[in-house]
Amino acid sequence: MTRVPRAVVVGVVVGLALALLATGLLSRLSSGGTRHARAPAQRVQVSKAPGQPAVYTITLAGGGTLQSYADPGTPGRNQLHFTFFAADGNEQPVGKAEATARPPSGNPVRLKLLRLGAGHFAANADLIPGRWTFAIDAEPRGGPAASASFEQVIQ
């Protein structure tokens, strides 16, 4: 039997670990594969119009999108909206969803979502000035699990 040099074994193990890290699999495995593991990069488009809240459109795995906004998007009482759309542009029915808001300095707080439509949810939140991170995990009917997050500066 031929013996493989230790340096070769170490090189293979290090290479495999780097490949797993690069694809994000290592972080998903270390988190136990929870639904809260997020893709490392999501395409986020921001649409702004005078007198209207900024609308964030996040592209989801499978071609669907999430549109989200904070209304009015200024410090104080806001209503946060999350609406899922299928790849064909129609609202995507969602079985259940969980969302969080992380304030500028602090830990994420679970939002109490209200269902406004088959794929449309809202939550009330008191927002202070600064950079917030909003995240949602959902189980769309007839599609893969969806996770999205975006940052918004409240000013």
N, C-alpha and C. Protein backbone atom coordinates (compact mmCIF):
# COMPACT_ATOMS: atom_id res chain seq x y z
N MET A 1 0.85 -1.16 0.00
CA MET A 1 0.00 0.00 0.00
C MET A 1 0.90 1.23 0.00
N THR A 2 0.56 2.23 -0.85
CA THR A 2 1.33 3.46 -0.95
C THR A 2 0.86 4.44 0.11
N ARG A 3 1.81 5.04 0.75
CA ARG A 3 1.50 6.00 1.81
C ARG A 3 1.49 7.41 1.24
N VAL A 4 0.44 8.19 1.53
CA VAL A 4 0.32 9.56 1.04
C VAL A 4 1.05 10.49 2.02
N PRO A 5 1.93 11.35 1.50
CA PRO A 5 2.66 12.27 2.37
C PRO A 5 1.71 13.19 3.14
N ARG A 6 2.07 13.47 4.38
CA ARG A 6 1.24 14.31 5.25
C ARG A 6 0.96 15.67 4.62
N ALA A 7 1.92 16.28 3.96
CA ALA A 7 1.75 17.59 3.35
C ALA A 7 0.64 17.56 2.30
N VAL A 8 0.52 16.47 1.56
CA VAL A 8 -0.52 16.34 0.55
C VAL A 8 -1.89 16.27 1.23
N VAL A 9 -2.01 15.48 2.29
CA VAL A 9 -3.27 15.36 3.02
C VAL A 9 -3.69 16.71 3.58
N VAL A 10 -2.75 17.43 4.22
CA VAL A 10 -3.05 18.74 4.79
C VAL A 10 -3.49 19.70 3.68
N GLY A 11 -2.80 19.68 2.55
CA GLY A 11 -3.16 20.55 1.43
C GLY A 11 -4.57 20.28 0.92
N VAL A 12 -4.94 19.01 0.82
CA VAL A 12 -6.29 18.65 0.37
C VAL A 12 -7.33 19.12 1.37
N VAL A 13 -7.09 18.89 2.65
CA VAL A 13 -8.05 19.31 3.69
C VAL A 13 -8.21 20.82 3.70
N VAL A 14 -7.12 21.57 3.64
CA VAL A 14 -7.18 23.03 3.62
C VAL A 14 -7.91 23.51 2.37
N GLY A 15 -7.61 22.92 1.23
CA GLY A 15 -8.28 23.30 -0.01
C GLY A 15 -9.78 23.05 0.05
N LEU A 16 -10.18 21.91 0.61
CA LEU A 16 -11.60 21.59 0.74
C LEU A 16 -12.28 22.58 1.68
N ALA A 17 -11.64 22.90 2.80
CA ALA A 17 -12.22 23.87 3.75
C ALA A 17 -12.39 25.23 3.10
N LEU A 18 -11.41 25.67 2.32
CA LEU A 18 -11.52 26.95 1.63
C LEU A 18 -12.64 26.93 0.60
N ALA A 19 -12.79 25.83 -0.10
CA ALA A 19 -13.87 25.72 -1.09
C ALA A 19 -15.23 25.77 -0.42
N LEU A 20 -15.37 25.07 0.71
CA LEU A 20 -16.64 25.10 1.45
C LEU A 20 -16.93 26.51 1.97
N LEU A 21 -15.93 27.17 2.49
CA LEU A 21 -16.10 28.52 3.00
C LEU A 21 -16.50 29.47 1.88
N ALA A 22 -15.87 29.33 0.74
CA ALA A 22 -16.18 30.20 -0.39
C ALA A 22 -17.61 30.04 -0.88
N THR A 23 -18.16 28.87 -0.79
CA THR A 23 -19.53 28.66 -1.25
C THR A 23 -20.56 28.86 -0.16
N GLY A 24 -20.12 29.15 1.05
CA GLY A 24 -21.05 29.41 2.14
C GLY A 24 -21.57 28.16 2.82
N LEU A 25 -21.15 26.99 2.36
CA LEU A 25 -21.65 25.76 2.96
C LEU A 25 -21.16 25.58 4.38
N LEU A 26 -19.94 26.01 4.66
CA LEU A 26 -19.40 25.85 6.00
C LEU A 26 -20.24 26.62 7.02
N SER A 27 -20.65 27.83 6.68
CA SER A 27 -21.46 28.60 7.62
C SER A 27 -22.83 27.96 7.80
N ARG A 28 -23.41 27.41 6.74
CA ARG A 28 -24.71 26.75 6.87
C ARG A 28 -24.59 25.50 7.73
N LEU A 29 -23.50 24.73 7.55
CA LEU A 29 -23.31 23.53 8.35
C LEU A 29 -23.09 23.88 9.81
N SER A 30 -22.31 24.92 10.08
CA SER A 30 -22.04 25.29 11.46
C SER A 30 -23.26 25.86 12.16
N SER A 31 -24.24 26.40 11.41
CA SER A 31 -25.45 26.93 12.03
C SER A 31 -26.52 25.86 12.16
N GLY A 32 -26.18 24.64 11.82
CA GLY A 32 -27.15 23.55 11.94
C GLY A 32 -28.14 23.53 10.79
N GLY A 33 -27.86 24.29 9.72
CA GLY A 33 -28.76 24.29 8.57
C GLY A 33 -30.07 24.99 8.84
N THR A 34 -30.09 25.95 9.75
CA THR A 34 -31.34 26.64 10.05
C THR A 34 -31.79 27.48 8.88
N ARG A 35 -33.08 27.82 8.89
CA ARG A 35 -33.63 28.66 7.84
C ARG A 35 -33.06 30.06 7.88
N HIS A 36 -32.42 30.44 8.99
CA HIS A 36 -31.95 31.80 9.14
C HIS A 36 -30.58 32.03 8.50
N ALA A 37 -29.97 31.00 7.91
CA ALA A 37 -28.71 31.20 7.21
C ALA A 37 -29.01 31.97 5.93
N ARG A 38 -28.32 33.05 5.68
CA ARG A 38 -28.59 33.92 4.55
C ARG A 38 -27.54 33.74 3.46
N ALA A 39 -27.97 33.92 2.25
CA ALA A 39 -27.05 33.90 1.13
C ALA A 39 -26.07 35.06 1.31
N PRO A 40 -24.80 34.87 0.95
CA PRO A 40 -23.81 35.91 1.19
C PRO A 40 -24.06 37.19 0.40
N ALA A 41 -24.66 37.10 -0.75
CA ALA A 41 -24.88 38.31 -1.56
C ALA A 41 -26.25 38.22 -2.22
N GLN A 42 -27.01 39.28 -2.06
CA GLN A 42 -28.31 39.36 -2.71
C GLN A 42 -28.35 40.66 -3.49
N ARG A 43 -29.04 40.63 -4.61
CA ARG A 43 -29.18 41.84 -5.41
C ARG A 43 -30.31 42.67 -4.80
N VAL A 44 -29.99 43.89 -4.41
CA VAL A 44 -30.97 44.78 -3.80
C VAL A 44 -31.04 46.05 -4.65
N GLN A 45 -32.25 46.37 -5.12
CA GLN A 45 -32.47 47.60 -5.87
C GLN A 45 -33.33 48.53 -5.00
N VAL A 46 -32.99 49.81 -4.99
CA VAL A 46 -33.74 50.78 -4.21
C VAL A 46 -34.41 51.76 -5.17
N SER A 47 -35.72 51.92 -5.01
CA SER A 47 -36.48 52.87 -5.83
C SER A 47 -36.95 54.00 -4.92
N LYS A 48 -36.63 55.22 -5.33
CA LYS A 48 -37.02 56.39 -4.54
C LYS A 48 -37.83 57.34 -5.41
N ALA A 49 -38.89 57.88 -4.82
CA ALA A 49 -39.72 58.89 -5.48
C ALA A 49 -40.09 59.94 -4.44
N PRO A 50 -40.12 61.20 -4.82
CA PRO A 50 -40.44 62.27 -3.87
C PRO A 50 -41.78 62.00 -3.17
N GLY A 51 -41.77 62.16 -1.84
CA GLY A 51 -42.98 61.99 -1.06
C GLY A 51 -43.40 60.56 -0.81
N GLN A 52 -42.61 59.59 -1.27
CA GLN A 52 -42.93 58.16 -1.10
C GLN A 52 -41.80 57.48 -0.33
N PRO A 53 -42.11 56.40 0.40
CA PRO A 53 -41.02 55.67 1.06
C PRO A 53 -40.12 54.98 0.03
N ALA A 54 -38.86 54.79 0.38
CA ALA A 54 -37.94 54.05 -0.49
C ALA A 54 -38.38 52.59 -0.52
N VAL A 55 -38.47 52.01 -1.72
CA VAL A 55 -38.88 50.61 -1.89
C VAL A 55 -37.64 49.79 -2.23
N TYR A 56 -37.42 48.73 -1.44
CA TYR A 56 -36.28 47.83 -1.62
C TYR A 56 -36.78 46.56 -2.29
N THR A 57 -36.19 46.22 -3.45
CA THR A 57 -36.55 45.00 -4.16
C THR A 57 -35.35 44.07 -4.11
N ILE A 58 -35.54 42.91 -3.49
CA ILE A 58 -34.47 41.94 -3.30
C ILE A 58 -34.76 40.73 -4.17
N THR A 59 -33.79 40.33 -5.00
CA THR A 59 -33.94 39.15 -5.84
C THR A 59 -33.69 37.90 -5.00
N LEU A 60 -34.64 36.97 -5.06
CA LEU A 60 -34.57 35.74 -4.28
C LEU A 60 -34.10 34.57 -5.14
N ALA A 61 -33.63 33.52 -4.49
CA ALA A 61 -33.28 32.29 -5.20
C ALA A 61 -34.54 31.79 -5.90
N GLY A 62 -34.41 31.29 -7.10
CA GLY A 62 -35.56 30.79 -7.84
C GLY A 62 -36.20 31.84 -8.72
N GLY A 63 -35.69 33.09 -8.70
CA GLY A 63 -36.18 34.11 -9.61
C GLY A 63 -37.26 35.02 -9.06
N GLY A 64 -37.79 34.74 -7.89
CA GLY A 64 -38.79 35.61 -7.31
C GLY A 64 -38.15 36.84 -6.69
N THR A 65 -38.98 37.74 -6.17
CA THR A 65 -38.47 38.93 -5.52
C THR A 65 -39.25 39.20 -4.24
N LEU A 66 -38.65 40.02 -3.40
CA LEU A 66 -39.31 40.55 -2.22
C LEU A 66 -39.26 42.06 -2.36
N GLN A 67 -40.40 42.71 -2.20
CA GLN A 67 -40.42 44.17 -2.14
C GLN A 67 -40.74 44.55 -0.70
N SER A 68 -39.94 45.49 -0.16
CA SER A 68 -40.10 45.87 1.23
C SER A 68 -39.88 47.37 1.37
N TYR A 69 -40.58 47.95 2.34
CA TYR A 69 -40.38 49.36 2.64
C TYR A 69 -40.85 49.68 4.04
N ALA A 70 -40.30 50.77 4.59
CA ALA A 70 -40.71 51.30 5.88
C ALA A 70 -41.49 52.58 5.59
N ASP A 71 -42.71 52.66 6.10
CA ASP A 71 -43.55 53.81 5.83
C ASP A 71 -43.84 54.53 7.14
N PRO A 72 -43.34 55.74 7.34
CA PRO A 72 -42.85 56.69 6.34
C PRO A 72 -41.34 56.61 6.08
N GLY A 73 -40.60 55.77 6.83
CA GLY A 73 -39.15 55.66 6.61
C GLY A 73 -38.36 56.75 7.32
N THR A 74 -38.97 57.35 8.35
CA THR A 74 -38.33 58.39 9.15
C THR A 74 -38.36 57.95 10.61
N PRO A 75 -37.58 58.61 11.49
CA PRO A 75 -37.62 58.22 12.90
C PRO A 75 -39.03 58.30 13.48
N GLY A 76 -39.34 57.35 14.34
CA GLY A 76 -40.66 57.29 14.97
C GLY A 76 -41.42 56.05 14.54
N ARG A 77 -42.74 56.10 14.67
CA ARG A 77 -43.61 54.96 14.34
C ARG A 77 -43.61 54.73 12.83
N ASN A 78 -43.35 53.47 12.42
CA ASN A 78 -43.33 53.08 11.02
C ASN A 78 -44.13 51.80 10.84
N GLN A 79 -44.59 51.59 9.63
CA GLN A 79 -45.17 50.30 9.26
C GLN A 79 -44.24 49.70 8.22
N LEU A 80 -43.71 48.51 8.53
CA LEU A 80 -42.80 47.81 7.62
C LEU A 80 -43.62 46.84 6.78
N HIS A 81 -43.38 46.85 5.48
CA HIS A 81 -44.11 45.97 4.56
C HIS A 81 -43.14 45.01 3.88
N PHE A 82 -43.58 43.77 3.71
CA PHE A 82 -42.83 42.72 3.02
C PHE A 82 -43.80 42.03 2.07
N THR A 83 -43.55 42.09 0.76
CA THR A 83 -44.43 41.44 -0.21
C THR A 83 -43.59 40.57 -1.14
N PHE A 84 -43.97 39.30 -1.24
CA PHE A 84 -43.26 38.34 -2.08
C PHE A 84 -43.92 38.25 -3.45
N PHE A 85 -43.09 38.18 -4.49
CA PHE A 85 -43.57 38.03 -5.85
C PHE A 85 -42.88 36.84 -6.50
N ALA A 86 -43.65 36.08 -7.29
CA ALA A 86 -43.10 34.95 -8.05
C ALA A 86 -42.33 35.50 -9.25
N ALA A 87 -41.60 34.63 -9.92
CA ALA A 87 -40.80 35.04 -11.08
C ALA A 87 -41.67 35.65 -12.18
N ASP A 88 -42.96 35.26 -12.26
CA ASP A 88 -43.84 35.80 -13.30
C ASP A 88 -44.41 37.18 -12.94
N GLY A 89 -44.04 37.72 -11.74
CA GLY A 89 -44.49 39.04 -11.34
C GLY A 89 -45.74 39.07 -10.50
N ASN A 90 -46.41 37.94 -10.36
CA ASN A 90 -47.61 37.88 -9.52
C ASN A 90 -47.23 37.68 -8.06
N GLU A 91 -48.11 38.13 -7.17
CA GLU A 91 -47.85 37.94 -5.74
C GLU A 91 -47.69 36.46 -5.45
N GLN A 92 -46.65 36.11 -4.68
CA GLN A 92 -46.35 34.72 -4.32
C GLN A 92 -46.99 34.39 -2.99
N PRO A 93 -47.96 33.47 -2.95
CA PRO A 93 -48.53 33.08 -1.67
C PRO A 93 -47.46 32.47 -0.76
N VAL A 94 -47.52 32.85 0.51
CA VAL A 94 -46.55 32.40 1.50
C VAL A 94 -47.29 31.72 2.64
N GLY A 95 -46.81 30.53 3.04
CA GLY A 95 -47.41 29.81 4.14
C GLY A 95 -47.16 30.48 5.47
N LYS A 96 -45.89 30.73 5.77
CA LYS A 96 -45.56 31.43 7.02
C LYS A 96 -44.29 32.22 6.82
N ALA A 97 -44.12 33.23 7.67
CA ALA A 97 -42.95 34.10 7.57
C ALA A 97 -42.57 34.60 8.96
N GLU A 98 -41.28 34.86 9.13
CA GLU A 98 -40.74 35.44 10.35
C GLU A 98 -39.80 36.56 9.94
N ALA A 99 -39.87 37.70 10.65
CA ALA A 99 -39.03 38.84 10.29
C ALA A 99 -38.39 39.44 11.54
N THR A 100 -37.24 40.09 11.33
CA THR A 100 -36.54 40.78 12.41
C THR A 100 -36.11 42.15 11.93
N ALA A 101 -35.89 43.03 12.89
CA ALA A 101 -35.32 44.35 12.65
C ALA A 101 -34.16 44.52 13.62
N ARG A 102 -32.99 44.83 13.08
CA ARG A 102 -31.82 45.06 13.94
C ARG A 102 -31.52 46.56 13.96
N PRO A 103 -31.61 47.19 15.13
CA PRO A 103 -31.35 48.62 15.23
C PRO A 103 -29.88 48.94 15.01
N PRO A 104 -29.55 50.23 14.86
CA PRO A 104 -28.16 50.63 14.60
C PRO A 104 -27.16 50.05 15.59
N SER A 105 -27.51 49.97 16.85
CA SER A 105 -26.63 49.33 17.83
C SER A 105 -27.51 48.44 18.69
N GLY A 106 -27.36 47.15 18.49
CA GLY A 106 -28.18 46.24 19.26
C GLY A 106 -28.42 44.93 18.53
N ASN A 107 -29.22 44.11 19.17
CA ASN A 107 -29.52 42.79 18.63
C ASN A 107 -30.83 42.83 17.85
N PRO A 108 -30.99 41.90 16.91
CA PRO A 108 -32.24 41.85 16.16
C PRO A 108 -33.44 41.61 17.08
N VAL A 109 -34.55 42.25 16.74
CA VAL A 109 -35.80 42.10 17.46
C VAL A 109 -36.80 41.47 16.52
N ARG A 110 -37.49 40.42 17.00
CA ARG A 110 -38.50 39.76 16.17
C ARG A 110 -39.68 40.70 15.97
N LEU A 111 -40.14 40.80 14.74
CA LEU A 111 -41.30 41.63 14.41
C LEU A 111 -42.57 40.79 14.46
N LYS A 112 -43.65 41.40 14.93
CA LYS A 112 -44.95 40.73 14.92
C LYS A 112 -45.60 41.03 13.57
N LEU A 113 -45.59 40.02 12.69
CA LEU A 113 -46.11 40.20 11.34
C LEU A 113 -47.62 40.06 11.30
N LEU A 114 -48.24 40.92 10.54
CA LEU A 114 -49.66 40.85 10.25
C LEU A 114 -49.82 40.48 8.78
N ARG A 115 -50.67 39.53 8.48
CA ARG A 115 -50.87 39.13 7.08
C ARG A 115 -51.88 40.10 6.45
N LEU A 116 -51.46 40.76 5.35
CA LEU A 116 -52.33 41.67 4.62
C LEU A 116 -52.81 41.07 3.30
N GLY A 117 -52.15 40.02 2.85
CA GLY A 117 -52.49 39.35 1.60
C GLY A 117 -51.80 38.01 1.57
N ALA A 118 -51.97 37.27 0.48
CA ALA A 118 -51.40 35.92 0.38
C ALA A 118 -49.87 35.92 0.55
N GLY A 119 -49.21 36.97 0.08
CA GLY A 119 -47.76 37.07 0.20
C GLY A 119 -47.32 38.41 0.74
N HIS A 120 -48.23 39.13 1.38
CA HIS A 120 -47.97 40.50 1.86
C HIS A 120 -48.13 40.55 3.38
N PHE A 121 -47.06 40.99 4.05
CA PHE A 121 -47.04 41.09 5.50
C PHE A 121 -46.65 42.50 5.91
N ALA A 122 -47.07 42.91 7.11
CA ALA A 122 -46.68 44.21 7.64
C ALA A 122 -46.42 44.06 9.13
N ALA A 123 -45.63 44.99 9.67
CA ALA A 123 -45.34 45.02 11.10
C ALA A 123 -45.16 46.47 11.52
N ASN A 124 -45.60 46.79 12.71
CA ASN A 124 -45.39 48.12 13.25
C ASN A 124 -44.09 48.15 14.03
N ALA A 125 -43.34 49.25 13.90
CA ALA A 125 -42.06 49.36 14.60
C ALA A 125 -41.74 50.82 14.87
N ASP A 126 -41.14 51.07 16.01
CA ASP A 126 -40.62 52.41 16.34
C ASP A 126 -39.15 52.41 15.96
N LEU A 127 -38.79 53.25 14.99
CA LEU A 127 -37.43 53.28 14.47
C LEU A 127 -36.71 54.55 14.91
N ILE A 128 -35.46 54.37 15.35
CA ILE A 128 -34.61 55.50 15.72
C ILE A 128 -33.69 55.80 14.54
N PRO A 129 -33.09 56.99 14.50
CA PRO A 129 -32.18 57.30 13.40
C PRO A 129 -30.99 56.34 13.36
N GLY A 130 -30.53 56.03 12.15
CA GLY A 130 -29.35 55.18 11.97
C GLY A 130 -29.60 54.07 10.96
N ARG A 131 -28.61 53.20 10.81
CA ARG A 131 -28.65 52.10 9.84
C ARG A 131 -29.31 50.87 10.47
N TRP A 132 -30.43 50.48 9.91
CA TRP A 132 -31.19 49.31 10.37
C TRP A 132 -30.99 48.17 9.39
N THR A 133 -31.08 46.94 9.88
CA THR A 133 -31.08 45.76 9.02
C THR A 133 -32.40 45.04 9.23
N PHE A 134 -33.13 44.86 8.13
CA PHE A 134 -34.41 44.15 8.16
C PHE A 134 -34.21 42.81 7.47
N ALA A 135 -34.75 41.75 8.06
CA ALA A 135 -34.58 40.40 7.50
C ALA A 135 -35.89 39.64 7.60
N ILE A 136 -36.11 38.76 6.64
CA ILE A 136 -37.33 37.93 6.65
C ILE A 136 -36.99 36.55 6.11
N ASP A 137 -37.59 35.54 6.73
CA ASP A 137 -37.52 34.15 6.27
C ASP A 137 -38.95 33.72 6.00
N ALA A 138 -39.17 33.08 4.87
CA ALA A 138 -40.54 32.70 4.52
C ALA A 138 -40.56 31.35 3.82
N GLU A 139 -41.74 30.74 3.84
CA GLU A 139 -41.97 29.48 3.15
C GLU A 139 -43.06 29.69 2.10
N PRO A 140 -42.65 30.13 0.89
CA PRO A 140 -43.62 30.33 -0.17
C PRO A 140 -44.29 29.01 -0.58
N ARG A 141 -45.57 29.08 -0.88
CA ARG A 141 -46.27 27.89 -1.36
C ARG A 141 -45.83 27.62 -2.79
N GLY A 142 -45.43 26.39 -3.06
CA GLY A 142 -45.02 26.02 -4.42
C GLY A 142 -43.65 26.51 -4.81
N GLY A 143 -42.83 26.92 -3.85
CA GLY A 143 -41.50 27.41 -4.18
C GLY A 143 -40.53 27.11 -3.06
N PRO A 144 -39.24 27.39 -3.29
CA PRO A 144 -38.23 27.11 -2.26
C PRO A 144 -38.33 28.12 -1.11
N ALA A 145 -37.81 27.74 0.05
CA ALA A 145 -37.75 28.66 1.19
C ALA A 145 -37.03 29.93 0.76
N ALA A 146 -37.46 31.05 1.29
CA ALA A 146 -36.90 32.33 0.88
C ALA A 146 -36.37 33.08 2.10
N SER A 147 -35.18 33.63 1.97
CA SER A 147 -34.57 34.48 3.00
C SER A 147 -34.05 35.73 2.33
N ALA A 148 -34.30 36.86 2.94
CA ALA A 148 -33.82 38.11 2.38
C ALA A 148 -33.51 39.08 3.51
N SER A 149 -32.58 39.98 3.24
CA SER A 149 -32.28 41.04 4.18
C SER A 149 -31.80 42.26 3.41
N PHE A 150 -31.98 43.42 4.03
CA PHE A 150 -31.50 44.65 3.44
C PHE A 150 -31.27 45.65 4.56
N GLU A 151 -30.44 46.65 4.26
CA GLU A 151 -30.16 47.71 5.21
C GLU A 151 -30.81 48.99 4.73
N GLN A 152 -31.32 49.77 5.70
CA GLN A 152 -31.92 51.05 5.37
C GLN A 152 -31.51 52.06 6.44
N VAL A 153 -31.09 53.24 6.00
CA VAL A 153 -30.75 54.31 6.93
C VAL A 153 -32.02 55.10 7.20
N ILE A 154 -32.38 55.19 8.47
CA ILE A 154 -33.53 55.97 8.89
C ILE A 154 -33.02 57.34 9.32
N GLN A 155 -33.53 58.39 8.67
CA GLN A 155 -33.09 59.76 9.00
C GLN A 155 -34.21 60.74 8.89
